[in-house]
Structure formats: structure tokens, C-alpha cells
């Protein structure tokens, strides 16, 4: 399943790729934690998601240690990845 965000950004969670809808050849591949985080944020769009929920769903349930620092870093990485597409 792929997602289209604001008719501008495409996201293919199977590949972990974000791209501009008008130019799908230009894409950025996300690290696995960033991919899981983006999925969580998209699936909960319009809802408040606690840090604890994100930490558990993105790291804890996959057997990794979760920390606020990890979450902050991957939010920053998602922003930079989207910016690198020129958005």
C-alpha cells in the first residue's frame, strides 16, 4: 500500500521510500526506524499520539531500546528527508 500526502508526497512503506508524486523517480529511502515512525504518524493522522506510544510501536515492539533522543533524531531525519526532495 502506498500513501499520497497532500497530493505532493508519496510514501511506499514496503520500500521505505518517500518521493514527489509528480516525479516518482526522485526518492529518498528511509532507515527502518524512520520508516516505522512515518507509518505510525500517517496512520494516526489527525490524532494525538503520545511519545510513549511512538517509542513502544517504533522501537519497543521490535525489540529495540527506545529513548526520547531516538524519537527526536528520527523526527529530525524525516523532516530533512522531506526537505531534500525540495518540499
C-alpha atoms as a PDB file:
ATOM      1  CA  UNK A   1       0.000   0.000   0.000  1.00  0.00           C
ATOM      2  CA  UNK A   2       1.268   3.462  -0.851  1.00  0.00           C
ATOM      3  CA  UNK A   3       0.218   6.764   0.652  1.00  0.00           C
ATOM      4  CA  UNK A   4      -0.196  10.155  -1.003  1.00  0.00           C
ATOM      5  CA  UNK A   5       0.183  13.102   1.369  1.00  0.00           C
ATOM      6  CA  UNK A   6      -1.361  16.457   0.384  1.00  0.00           C
ATOM      7  CA  UNK A   7      -1.211  15.324  -3.262  1.00  0.00           C
ATOM      8  CA  UNK A   8       2.523  16.123  -3.214  1.00  0.00           C
ATOM      9  CA  UNK A   9       4.461  13.460  -1.306  1.00  0.00           C
ATOM     10  CA  UNK A  10       4.245   9.752  -1.998  1.00  0.00           C
ATOM     11  CA  UNK A  11       5.273   7.146   0.550  1.00  0.00           C
ATOM     12  CA  UNK A  12       5.809   3.465  -0.149  1.00  0.00           C
ATOM     13  CA  UNK A  13       6.292   1.755   3.221  1.00  0.00           C
ATOM     14  CA  UNK A  14       7.302  -1.549   1.602  1.00  0.00           C
ATOM     15  CA  UNK A  15      10.363   0.151   0.091  1.00  0.00           C
ATOM     16  CA  UNK A  16      10.681   2.725   2.856  1.00  0.00           C
ATOM     17  CA  UNK A  17      10.697   5.376   0.133  1.00  0.00           C
ATOM     18  CA  UNK A  18       9.322   8.881   0.030  1.00  0.00           C
ATOM     19  CA  UNK A  19       9.065  10.700  -3.278  1.00  0.00           C
ATOM     20  CA  UNK A  20       7.423  13.599  -5.049  1.00  0.00           C
ATOM     21  CA  UNK A  21       4.223  12.401  -6.702  1.00  0.00           C
ATOM     22  CA  UNK A  22       4.931  14.336  -9.898  1.00  0.00           C
ATOM     23  CA  UNK A  23       8.417  12.768 -10.115  1.00  0.00           C
ATOM     24  CA  UNK A  24       8.455   9.276  -8.570  1.00  0.00           C
ATOM     25  CA  UNK A  25      11.994   8.639  -9.821  1.00  0.00           C
ATOM     26  CA  UNK A  26      13.326  11.113  -7.274  1.00  0.00           C
ATOM     27  CA  UNK A  27      13.048   9.290  -3.995  1.00  0.00           C
ATOM     28  CA  UNK A  28      14.649   9.060  -0.596  1.00  0.00           C
ATOM     29  CA  UNK A  29      14.961   5.705   1.161  1.00  0.00           C
ATOM     30  CA  UNK A  30      14.292   5.923   4.878  1.00  0.00           C
ATOM     31  CA  UNK A  31      16.075   3.939   7.574  1.00  0.00           C
ATOM     32  CA  UNK A  32      13.858   1.231   9.071  1.00  0.00           C
ATOM     33  CA  UNK A  33      13.084   3.122  12.298  1.00  0.00           C
ATOM     34  CA  UNK A  34      12.235   6.257  10.286  1.00  0.00           C
ATOM     35  CA  UNK A  35      10.009   4.158   8.039  1.00  0.00           C
ATOM     36  CA  UNK A  36       8.155   2.679  11.040  1.00  0.00           C
ATOM     37  CA  UNK A  37       7.838   6.152  12.590  1.00  0.00           C
ATOM     38  CA  UNK A  38       6.422   7.646   9.386  1.00  0.00           C
ATOM     39  CA  UNK A  39       3.888   4.798   9.165  1.00  0.00           C
ATOM     40  CA  UNK A  40       2.789   5.470  12.756  1.00  0.00           C
ATOM     41  CA  UNK A  41       2.404   9.183  12.085  1.00  0.00           C
ATOM     42  CA  UNK A  42       0.459   8.639   8.857  1.00  0.00           C
ATOM     43  CA  UNK A  43      -1.846   6.002  10.319  1.00  0.00           C
ATOM     44  CA  UNK A  44      -2.610   8.298  13.253  1.00  0.00           C
ATOM     45  CA  UNK A  45      -3.026  11.481  11.212  1.00  0.00           C
ATOM     46  CA  UNK A  46      -5.392  13.865  12.952  1.00  0.00           C
ATOM     47  CA  UNK A  47      -4.976  12.118  16.296  1.00  0.00           C
ATOM     48  CA  UNK A  48      -2.731  12.892  19.214  1.00  0.00           C
ATOM     49  CA  UNK A  49      -0.117  10.171  19.643  1.00  0.00           C
ATOM     50  CA  UNK A  50       1.906  10.140  22.843  1.00  0.00           C
ATOM     51  CA  UNK A  51       5.667   9.874  22.862  1.00  0.00           C
ATOM     52  CA  UNK A  52       5.312   6.644  24.830  1.00  0.00           C
ATOM     53  CA  UNK A  53       3.090   5.146  22.133  1.00  0.00           C
ATOM     54  CA  UNK A  54       5.543   6.101  19.398  1.00  0.00           C
ATOM     55  CA  UNK A  55       8.511   4.797  21.395  1.00  0.00           C
ATOM     56  CA  UNK A  56       6.759   1.495  22.030  1.00  0.00           C
ATOM     57  CA  UNK A  57       5.399   0.989  18.499  1.00  0.00           C
ATOM     58  CA  UNK A  58       8.509   2.086  16.612  1.00  0.00           C
ATOM     59  CA  UNK A  59      11.233   0.609  18.828  1.00  0.00           C
ATOM     60  CA  UNK A  60       9.966  -1.363  21.822  1.00  0.00           C
ATOM     61  CA  UNK A  61       7.684  -3.758  19.959  1.00  0.00           C
ATOM     62  CA  UNK A  62      10.553  -4.531  17.560  1.00  0.00           C
ATOM     63  CA  UNK A  63      12.959  -5.457  20.347  1.00  0.00           C
ATOM     64  CA  UNK A  64      14.967  -2.223  20.351  1.00  0.00           C
ATOM     65  CA  UNK A  65      15.695   0.142  23.205  1.00  0.00           C
ATOM     66  CA  UNK A  66      13.591   3.272  22.913  1.00  0.00           C
ATOM     67  CA  UNK A  67      14.548   6.751  24.062  1.00  0.00           C
ATOM     68  CA  UNK A  68      13.332  10.301  23.657  1.00  0.00           C
ATOM     69  CA  UNK A  69      16.621  11.058  21.931  1.00  0.00           C
ATOM     70  CA  UNK A  70      15.913   8.374  19.301  1.00  0.00           C
ATOM     71  CA  UNK A  71      12.481   9.805  18.663  1.00  0.00           C
ATOM     72  CA  UNK A  72      13.794  13.359  18.368  1.00  0.00           C
ATOM     73  CA  UNK A  73      16.558  12.263  15.991  1.00  0.00           C
ATOM     74  CA  UNK A  74      14.233  10.336  13.704  1.00  0.00           C
ATOM     75  CA  UNK A  75      11.669  13.148  13.597  1.00  0.00           C
ATOM     76  CA  UNK A  76      14.542  15.401  12.507  1.00  0.00           C
ATOM     77  CA  UNK A  77      15.626  12.814   9.926  1.00  0.00           C
ATOM     78  CA  UNK A  78      12.099  12.646   8.483  1.00  0.00           C
ATOM     79  CA  UNK A  79      11.998  16.436   8.176  1.00  0.00           C
ATOM     80  CA  UNK A  80      15.403  16.510   6.469  1.00  0.00           C
ATOM     81  CA  UNK A  81      14.385  13.708   4.097  1.00  0.00           C
ATOM     82  CA  UNK A  82      11.258  15.570   3.037  1.00  0.00           C
ATOM     83  CA  UNK A  83      13.238  18.815   2.687  1.00  0.00           C
ATOM     84  CA  UNK A  84      15.804  17.068   0.493  1.00  0.00           C
ATOM     85  CA  UNK A  85      13.003  16.474  -2.015  1.00  0.00           C
ATOM     86  CA  UNK A  86      12.583  20.226  -2.291  1.00  0.00           C
ATOM     87  CA  UNK A  87       9.462  20.463  -0.180  1.00  0.00           C
END
